[in-house]
Amino acid sequence: MKQHEYKIKQPYTFTGREWDKEIELYYYRARYYDPEVGRFVTRDPSLYLNVNPEIPYLLSTVIKKPQELALYTFVINNPIRFLDPFGLNNIGNYYFYAGGVWKEDTTFEAHLGQIVIIKVNNVNVLGTTIMIESNSGQSYQMILLPQQRHEFKFSKFGCEPTYWKFDISTQSDAFIVTYEIWSTWIPGMPPNR
C-alpha cells in the first residue's frame, strides 16, 4: 500500500472508513478489513451469528451462490457494484439477517429496515403452498413446486429500524422450506432517521 503525504490529515480513506494506522487495517464498525489481503480479518458476524443450526437445509443456497455465504470477503469481491459500509454481508445493498428452516406455520418478528426480502426454497419432493402476511398490510400467497425458489419483497416508509411482524402459513401437509431474510437495515447498524 502506498503512503501519500497530504496537507490535511484525516483518518477516513477507502470507502469512507477509518484507517487504523497502529494495526494498518480499515475499521468497518463490525470488523476490520485488510487491504493487503483484500478481505476482512474476522468472520462476517451477520452470517456467523444468525444462521439457524439446521444448516444442512441451506446447502442448496451454498451450491448456487457460494460467494454470498463467504465469511471473510468484501462485497462478494465486487466493490464496483456493491457497498458494505458496516462490514456486514451485503448483496445489492441488502444485508443478511437470518436463515433457517420452516416446517410449520410460524410468526417472525424483528426490527429491520424499510425493505425486507424473504427468500424461500421448497426443499420437499412435493409441491407446497406458502402465505406470508406482514404488519404493513402486504401479503403474498403462492404454490412452490419442488426445489422452487422465490423471493417475497415487503416495504414500508419510515425510520430504520422499523418493527416488522410476519405470519407464515401453509395449507400443505408436506411443508419444508428454507428461508433467508435480507433487509436494508439490520441490528448493529446505526439508526437511519
C-alpha atoms as a PDB file:
ATOM      1  CA  MET A   1       0.000   0.000   0.000  1.00  0.00           C
ATOM      2  CA  LYS A   2       1.417   3.378  -0.956  1.00  0.00           C
ATOM      3  CA  GLN A   3       1.617   6.090   1.637  1.00  0.00           C
ATOM      4  CA  HIS A   4       0.773   9.592   0.456  1.00  0.00           C
ATOM      5  CA  GLU A   5       1.573  12.834   2.222  1.00  0.00           C
ATOM      6  CA  TYR A   6      -1.291  15.322   2.289  1.00  0.00           C
ATOM      7  CA  LYS A   7      -1.517  18.711   3.911  1.00  0.00           C
ATOM      8  CA  ILE A   8      -4.811  17.797   5.615  1.00  0.00           C
ATOM      9  CA  LYS A   9      -4.599  14.707   7.773  1.00  0.00           C
ATOM     10  CA  GLN A  10      -7.802  12.756   8.179  1.00  0.00           C
ATOM     11  CA  PRO A  11      -8.365   9.104   9.122  1.00  0.00           C
ATOM     12  CA  TYR A  12     -11.208   8.337   6.675  1.00  0.00           C
ATOM     13  CA  THR A  13      -9.991   6.854   3.408  1.00  0.00           C
ATOM     14  CA  PHE A  14     -11.035   3.804   1.346  1.00  0.00           C
ATOM     15  CA  THR A  15     -14.872   3.704   1.046  1.00  0.00           C
ATOM     16  CA  GLY A  16     -15.127   6.315   3.780  1.00  0.00           C
ATOM     17  CA  ARG A  17     -13.883   4.022   6.516  1.00  0.00           C
ATOM     18  CA  GLU A  18     -11.336   4.876   9.166  1.00  0.00           C
ATOM     19  CA  TRP A  19      -7.726   3.791   8.648  1.00  0.00           C
ATOM     20  CA  ASP A  20      -6.227   2.466  11.889  1.00  0.00           C
ATOM     21  CA  LYS A  21      -2.546   3.286  11.484  1.00  0.00           C
ATOM     22  CA  GLU A  22      -1.466   1.256  14.523  1.00  0.00           C
ATOM     23  CA  ILE A  23      -2.677  -2.059  13.118  1.00  0.00           C
ATOM     24  CA  GLU A  24      -2.771  -0.942   9.435  1.00  0.00           C
ATOM     25  CA  LEU A  25      -6.366  -2.019   8.807  1.00  0.00           C
ATOM     26  CA  TYR A  26      -9.615  -0.277   7.847  1.00  0.00           C
ATOM     27  CA  TYR A  27     -12.288  -0.161  10.558  1.00  0.00           C
ATOM     28  CA  TYR A  28     -15.766  -1.086   9.239  1.00  0.00           C
ATOM     29  CA  ARG A  29     -17.684  -0.893  12.551  1.00  0.00           C
ATOM     30  CA  ALA A  30     -18.424  -4.636  12.641  1.00  0.00           C
ATOM     31  CA  ARG A  31     -14.892  -5.799  11.759  1.00  0.00           C
ATOM     32  CA  TYR A  32     -11.533  -4.864  10.225  1.00  0.00           C
ATOM     33  CA  TYR A  33     -10.563  -5.032   6.524  1.00  0.00           C
ATOM     34  CA  ASP A  34      -7.009  -5.859   5.394  1.00  0.00           C
ATOM     35  CA  PRO A  35      -6.256  -4.135   2.049  1.00  0.00           C
ATOM     36  CA  GLU A  36      -3.076  -6.176   1.572  1.00  0.00           C
ATOM     37  CA  VAL A  37      -5.030  -9.446   1.504  1.00  0.00           C
ATOM     38  CA  GLY A  38      -8.253  -7.983   0.105  1.00  0.00           C
ATOM     39  CA  ARG A  39     -10.582  -9.421   2.732  1.00  0.00           C
ATOM     40  CA  PHE A  40     -11.810  -8.985   6.290  1.00  0.00           C
ATOM     41  CA  VAL A  41      -9.688 -10.438   9.090  1.00  0.00           C
ATOM     42  CA  THR A  42     -12.660 -11.864  11.018  1.00  0.00           C
ATOM     43  CA  ARG A  43     -15.853 -13.686  10.077  1.00  0.00           C
ATOM     44  CA  ASP A  44     -18.939 -11.782   8.996  1.00  0.00           C
ATOM     45  CA  PRO A  45     -20.970 -11.548  12.211  1.00  0.00           C
ATOM     46  CA  SER A  46     -24.270 -11.228  10.323  1.00  0.00           C
ATOM     47  CA  LEU A  47     -23.754 -14.649   8.723  1.00  0.00           C
ATOM     48  CA  TYR A  48     -21.922 -16.337  11.560  1.00  0.00           C
ATOM     49  CA  LEU A  49     -24.374 -15.490  14.363  1.00  0.00           C
ATOM     50  CA  ASN A  50     -27.822 -15.558  12.745  1.00  0.00           C
ATOM     51  CA  VAL A  51     -27.885 -18.757  10.681  1.00  0.00           C
ATOM     52  CA  ASN A  52     -30.241 -21.363  12.096  1.00  0.00           C
ATOM     53  CA  PRO A  53     -28.434 -24.511  13.364  1.00  0.00           C
ATOM     54  CA  GLU A  54     -30.366 -26.591  10.803  1.00  0.00           C
ATOM     55  CA  ILE A  55     -27.715 -25.542   8.265  1.00  0.00           C
ATOM     56  CA  PRO A  56     -27.886 -28.664   6.033  1.00  0.00           C
ATOM     57  CA  TYR A  57     -31.119 -27.310   4.566  1.00  0.00           C
ATOM     58  CA  LEU A  58     -29.202 -24.240   3.339  1.00  0.00           C
ATOM     59  CA  LEU A  59     -26.890 -26.405   1.209  1.00  0.00           C
ATOM     60  CA  SER A  60     -28.837 -25.604  -1.968  1.00  0.00           C
ATOM     61  CA  THR A  61     -28.131 -21.893  -1.419  1.00  0.00           C
ATOM     62  CA  VAL A  62     -24.426 -22.517  -0.878  1.00  0.00           C
ATOM     63  CA  ILE A  63     -24.177 -24.570  -4.054  1.00  0.00           C
ATOM     64  CA  LYS A  64     -25.994 -21.940  -6.180  1.00  0.00           C
ATOM     65  CA  LYS A  65     -24.307 -18.815  -4.761  1.00  0.00           C
ATOM     66  CA  PRO A  66     -21.328 -19.720  -2.576  1.00  0.00           C
ATOM     67  CA  GLN A  67     -19.901 -16.183  -2.688  1.00  0.00           C
ATOM     68  CA  GLU A  68     -22.939 -14.838  -0.811  1.00  0.00           C
ATOM     69  CA  LEU A  69     -22.086 -17.005   2.188  1.00  0.00           C
ATOM     70  CA  ALA A  70     -18.328 -16.361   2.278  1.00  0.00           C
ATOM     71  CA  LEU A  71     -17.485 -15.217   5.792  1.00  0.00           C
ATOM     72  CA  TYR A  72     -14.388 -13.106   5.047  1.00  0.00           C
ATOM     73  CA  THR A  73     -14.907 -11.453   1.653  1.00  0.00           C
ATOM     74  CA  PHE A  74     -15.593  -7.788   0.995  1.00  0.00           C
ATOM     75  CA  VAL A  75     -18.812  -7.212  -1.034  1.00  0.00           C
ATOM     76  CA  ILE A  76     -18.587 -10.681  -2.637  1.00  0.00           C
ATOM     77  CA  ASN A  77     -15.359  -9.490  -4.285  1.00  0.00           C
ATOM     78  CA  ASN A  78     -17.158  -6.859  -6.378  1.00  0.00           C
ATOM     79  CA  PRO A  79     -16.569  -3.375  -4.862  1.00  0.00           C
ATOM     80  CA  ILE A  80     -17.625  -1.635  -8.094  1.00  0.00           C
ATOM     81  CA  ARG A  81     -21.188  -2.990  -7.879  1.00  0.00           C
ATOM     82  CA  PHE A  82     -21.830  -3.419  -4.139  1.00  0.00           C
ATOM     83  CA  LEU A  83     -21.419  -1.388  -0.943  1.00  0.00           C
ATOM     84  CA  ASP A  84     -20.643  -2.565   2.584  1.00  0.00           C
ATOM     85  CA  PRO A  85     -20.286   0.427   4.919  1.00  0.00           C
ATOM     86  CA  PHE A  86     -20.645  -1.641   8.106  1.00  0.00           C
ATOM     87  CA  GLY A  87     -18.523  -4.734   7.406  1.00  0.00           C
ATOM     88  CA  LEU A  88     -21.582  -6.979   7.175  1.00  0.00           C
ATOM     89  CA  ASN A  89     -22.508  -9.244   4.291  1.00  0.00           C
ATOM     90  CA  ASN A  90     -24.257  -7.040   1.774  1.00  0.00           C
ATOM     91  CA  ILE A  91     -25.774  -8.124  -1.526  1.00  0.00           C
ATOM     92  CA  GLY A  92     -27.164  -5.291  -3.633  1.00  0.00           C
ATOM     93  CA  ASN A  93     -27.492  -3.009  -0.557  1.00  0.00           C
ATOM     94  CA  TYR A  94     -29.430  -5.643   1.394  1.00  0.00           C
ATOM     95  CA  TYR A  95     -27.930  -7.218   4.493  1.00  0.00           C
ATOM     96  CA  PHE A  96     -28.368 -10.826   5.555  1.00  0.00           C
ATOM     97  CA  TYR A  97     -30.296 -11.025   8.835  1.00  0.00           C
ATOM     98  CA  ALA A  98     -31.291 -14.656   9.446  1.00  0.00           C
ATOM     99  CA  GLY A  99     -31.849 -18.006   7.786  1.00  0.00           C
ATOM    100  CA  GLY A 100     -33.090 -21.463   8.593  1.00  0.00           C
ATOM    101  CA  VAL A 101     -35.984 -23.853   8.013  1.00  0.00           C
ATOM    102  CA  TRP A 102     -39.737 -23.506   8.382  1.00  0.00           C
ATOM    103  CA  LYS A 103     -41.638 -26.793   8.827  1.00  0.00           C
ATOM    104  CA  GLU A 104     -44.950 -25.406  10.097  1.00  0.00           C
ATOM    105  CA  ASP A 105     -46.959 -22.216  10.479  1.00  0.00           C
ATOM    106  CA  THR A 106     -44.902 -19.624  12.326  1.00  0.00           C
ATOM    107  CA  THR A 107     -44.633 -15.951  13.228  1.00  0.00           C
ATOM    108  CA  PHE A 108     -41.454 -13.933  12.816  1.00  0.00           C
ATOM    109  CA  GLU A 109     -40.871 -10.535  14.471  1.00  0.00           C
ATOM    110  CA  ALA A 110     -37.861  -8.238  14.177  1.00  0.00           C
ATOM    111  CA  HIS A 111     -36.702  -4.650  13.937  1.00  0.00           C
ATOM    112  CA  LEU A 112     -35.371  -4.302  10.391  1.00  0.00           C
ATOM    113  CA  GLY A 113     -35.159  -1.783   7.553  1.00  0.00           C
ATOM    114  CA  GLN A 114     -37.748  -0.213   5.268  1.00  0.00           C
ATOM    115  CA  ILE A 115     -37.375  -3.097   2.819  1.00  0.00           C
ATOM    116  CA  VAL A 116     -37.359  -6.770   3.806  1.00  0.00           C
ATOM    117  CA  ILE A 117     -36.794  -9.599   1.342  1.00  0.00           C
ATOM    118  CA  ILE A 118     -37.728 -13.128   2.356  1.00  0.00           C
ATOM    119  CA  LYS A 119     -36.173 -15.784   0.110  1.00  0.00           C
ATOM    120  CA  VAL A 120     -37.753 -19.231   0.330  1.00  0.00           C
ATOM    121  CA  ASN A 121     -36.850 -22.535  -1.267  1.00  0.00           C
ATOM    122  CA  ASN A 122     -39.126 -25.602  -1.221  1.00  0.00           C
ATOM    123  CA  VAL A 123     -36.744 -28.445  -0.323  1.00  0.00           C
ATOM    124  CA  ASN A 124     -39.502 -31.049  -0.262  1.00  0.00           C
ATOM    125  CA  VAL A 125     -40.099 -33.533  -3.106  1.00  0.00           C
ATOM    126  CA  LEU A 126     -43.731 -32.386  -3.168  1.00  0.00           C
ATOM    127  CA  GLY A 127     -45.242 -29.029  -4.043  1.00  0.00           C
ATOM    128  CA  THR A 128     -46.312 -26.815  -1.147  1.00  0.00           C
ATOM    129  CA  THR A 129     -48.302 -23.661  -0.509  1.00  0.00           C
ATOM    130  CA  ILE A 130     -46.997 -20.658   1.371  1.00  0.00           C
ATOM    131  CA  MET A 131     -48.632 -17.453   2.517  1.00  0.00           C
ATOM    132  CA  ILE A 132     -46.696 -14.593   4.107  1.00  0.00           C
ATOM    133  CA  GLU A 133     -48.561 -11.669   5.664  1.00  0.00           C
ATOM    134  CA  SER A 134     -46.837  -8.616   7.140  1.00  0.00           C
ATOM    135  CA  ASN A 135     -47.915  -5.976   9.624  1.00  0.00           C
ATOM    136  CA  SER A 136     -47.609  -3.438   6.779  1.00  0.00           C
ATOM    137  CA  GLY A 137     -50.732  -4.935   5.181  1.00  0.00           C
ATOM    138  CA  GLN A 138     -48.861  -6.684   2.369  1.00  0.00           C
ATOM    139  CA  SER A 139     -49.450 -10.384   1.820  1.00  0.00           C
ATOM    140  CA  TYR A 140     -48.334 -12.934  -0.745  1.00  0.00           C
ATOM    141  CA  GLN A 141     -49.560 -16.441  -1.437  1.00  0.00           C
ATOM    142  CA  MET A 142     -48.230 -18.973  -3.911  1.00  0.00           C
ATOM    143  CA  ILE A 143     -47.659 -22.622  -4.707  1.00  0.00           C
ATOM    144  CA  LEU A 144     -43.998 -23.620  -4.651  1.00  0.00           C
ATOM    145  CA  LEU A 145     -43.049 -26.575  -6.826  1.00  0.00           C
ATOM    146  CA  PRO A 146     -40.350 -28.985  -5.584  1.00  0.00           C
ATOM    147  CA  GLN A 147     -36.952 -27.246  -5.378  1.00  0.00           C
ATOM    148  CA  GLN A 148     -38.524 -23.946  -6.473  1.00  0.00           C
ATOM    149  CA  ARG A 149     -37.038 -20.745  -5.049  1.00  0.00           C
ATOM    150  CA  HIS A 150     -38.936 -17.484  -4.702  1.00  0.00           C
ATOM    151  CA  GLU A 151     -38.404 -14.018  -3.192  1.00  0.00           C
ATOM    152  CA  PHE A 152     -41.080 -12.004  -1.397  1.00  0.00           C
ATOM    153  CA  LYS A 153     -40.379  -8.276  -1.064  1.00  0.00           C
ATOM    154  CA  PHE A 154     -42.046  -6.164   1.639  1.00  0.00           C
ATOM    155  CA  SER A 155     -41.652  -2.427   2.132  1.00  0.00           C
ATOM    156  CA  LYS A 156     -42.946   0.409   4.243  1.00  0.00           C
ATOM    157  CA  PHE A 157     -41.940   4.031   4.625  1.00  0.00           C
ATOM    158  CA  GLY A 158     -40.392   5.208   7.879  1.00  0.00           C
ATOM    159  CA  CYS A 159     -37.292   5.277  10.020  1.00  0.00           C
ATOM    160  CA  GLU A 160     -34.861   2.424  10.352  1.00  0.00           C
ATOM    161  CA  PRO A 161     -35.119   0.354  12.440  1.00  0.00           C
ATOM    162  CA  THR A 162     -38.796  -0.320  11.961  1.00  0.00           C
ATOM    163  CA  TYR A 163     -40.883  -3.041  13.571  1.00  0.00           C
ATOM    164  CA  TRP A 164     -41.888  -5.965  11.328  1.00  0.00           C
ATOM    165  CA  LYS A 165     -44.121  -8.928  12.032  1.00  0.00           C
ATOM    166  CA  PHE A 166     -44.618 -11.735   9.513  1.00  0.00           C
ATOM    167  CA  ASP A 167     -47.140 -14.557   9.740  1.00  0.00           C
ATOM    168  CA  ILE A 168     -46.036 -17.541   7.639  1.00  0.00           C
ATOM    169  CA  SER A 169     -48.645 -20.202   6.964  1.00  0.00           C
ATOM    170  CA  THR A 170     -49.325 -23.157   4.692  1.00  0.00           C
ATOM    171  CA  GLN A 171     -52.229 -25.363   3.691  1.00  0.00           C
ATOM    172  CA  SER A 172     -49.915 -28.264   2.852  1.00  0.00           C
ATOM    173  CA  ASP A 173     -49.163 -31.335   4.922  1.00  0.00           C
ATOM    174  CA  ALA A 174     -45.652 -31.503   3.463  1.00  0.00           C
ATOM    175  CA  PHE A 175     -44.140 -28.113   4.297  1.00  0.00           C
ATOM    176  CA  ILE A 176     -40.353 -27.823   4.456  1.00  0.00           C
ATOM    177  CA  VAL A 177     -38.839 -24.599   3.127  1.00  0.00           C
ATOM    178  CA  THR A 178     -35.503 -22.954   3.755  1.00  0.00           C
ATOM    179  CA  TYR A 179     -35.579 -19.219   4.231  1.00  0.00           C
ATOM    180  CA  GLU A 180     -33.243 -16.243   4.242  1.00  0.00           C
ATOM    181  CA  ILE A 181     -34.224 -12.804   5.486  1.00  0.00           C
ATOM    182  CA  TRP A 182     -32.460  -9.776   3.992  1.00  0.00           C
ATOM    183  CA  SER A 183     -33.068  -6.113   4.772  1.00  0.00           C
ATOM    184  CA  THR A 184     -31.808  -2.591   4.143  1.00  0.00           C
ATOM    185  CA  TRP A 185     -31.086  -2.293   7.876  1.00  0.00           C
ATOM    186  CA  ILE A 186     -30.179  -4.961  10.458  1.00  0.00           C
ATOM    187  CA  PRO A 187     -29.350  -4.788  14.181  1.00  0.00           C
ATOM    188  CA  GLY A 188     -25.867  -3.467  14.828  1.00  0.00           C
ATOM    189  CA  MET A 189     -26.168  -0.670  12.280  1.00  0.00           C
ATOM    190  CA  PRO A 190     -26.765   2.940  13.359  1.00  0.00           C
ATOM    191  CA  PRO A 191     -30.406   4.143  13.195  1.00  0.00           C
ATOM    192  CA  ASN A 192     -31.490   5.836   9.962  1.00  0.00           C
ATOM    193  CA  ARG A 193     -33.929   8.574  10.972  1.00  0.00           C
END
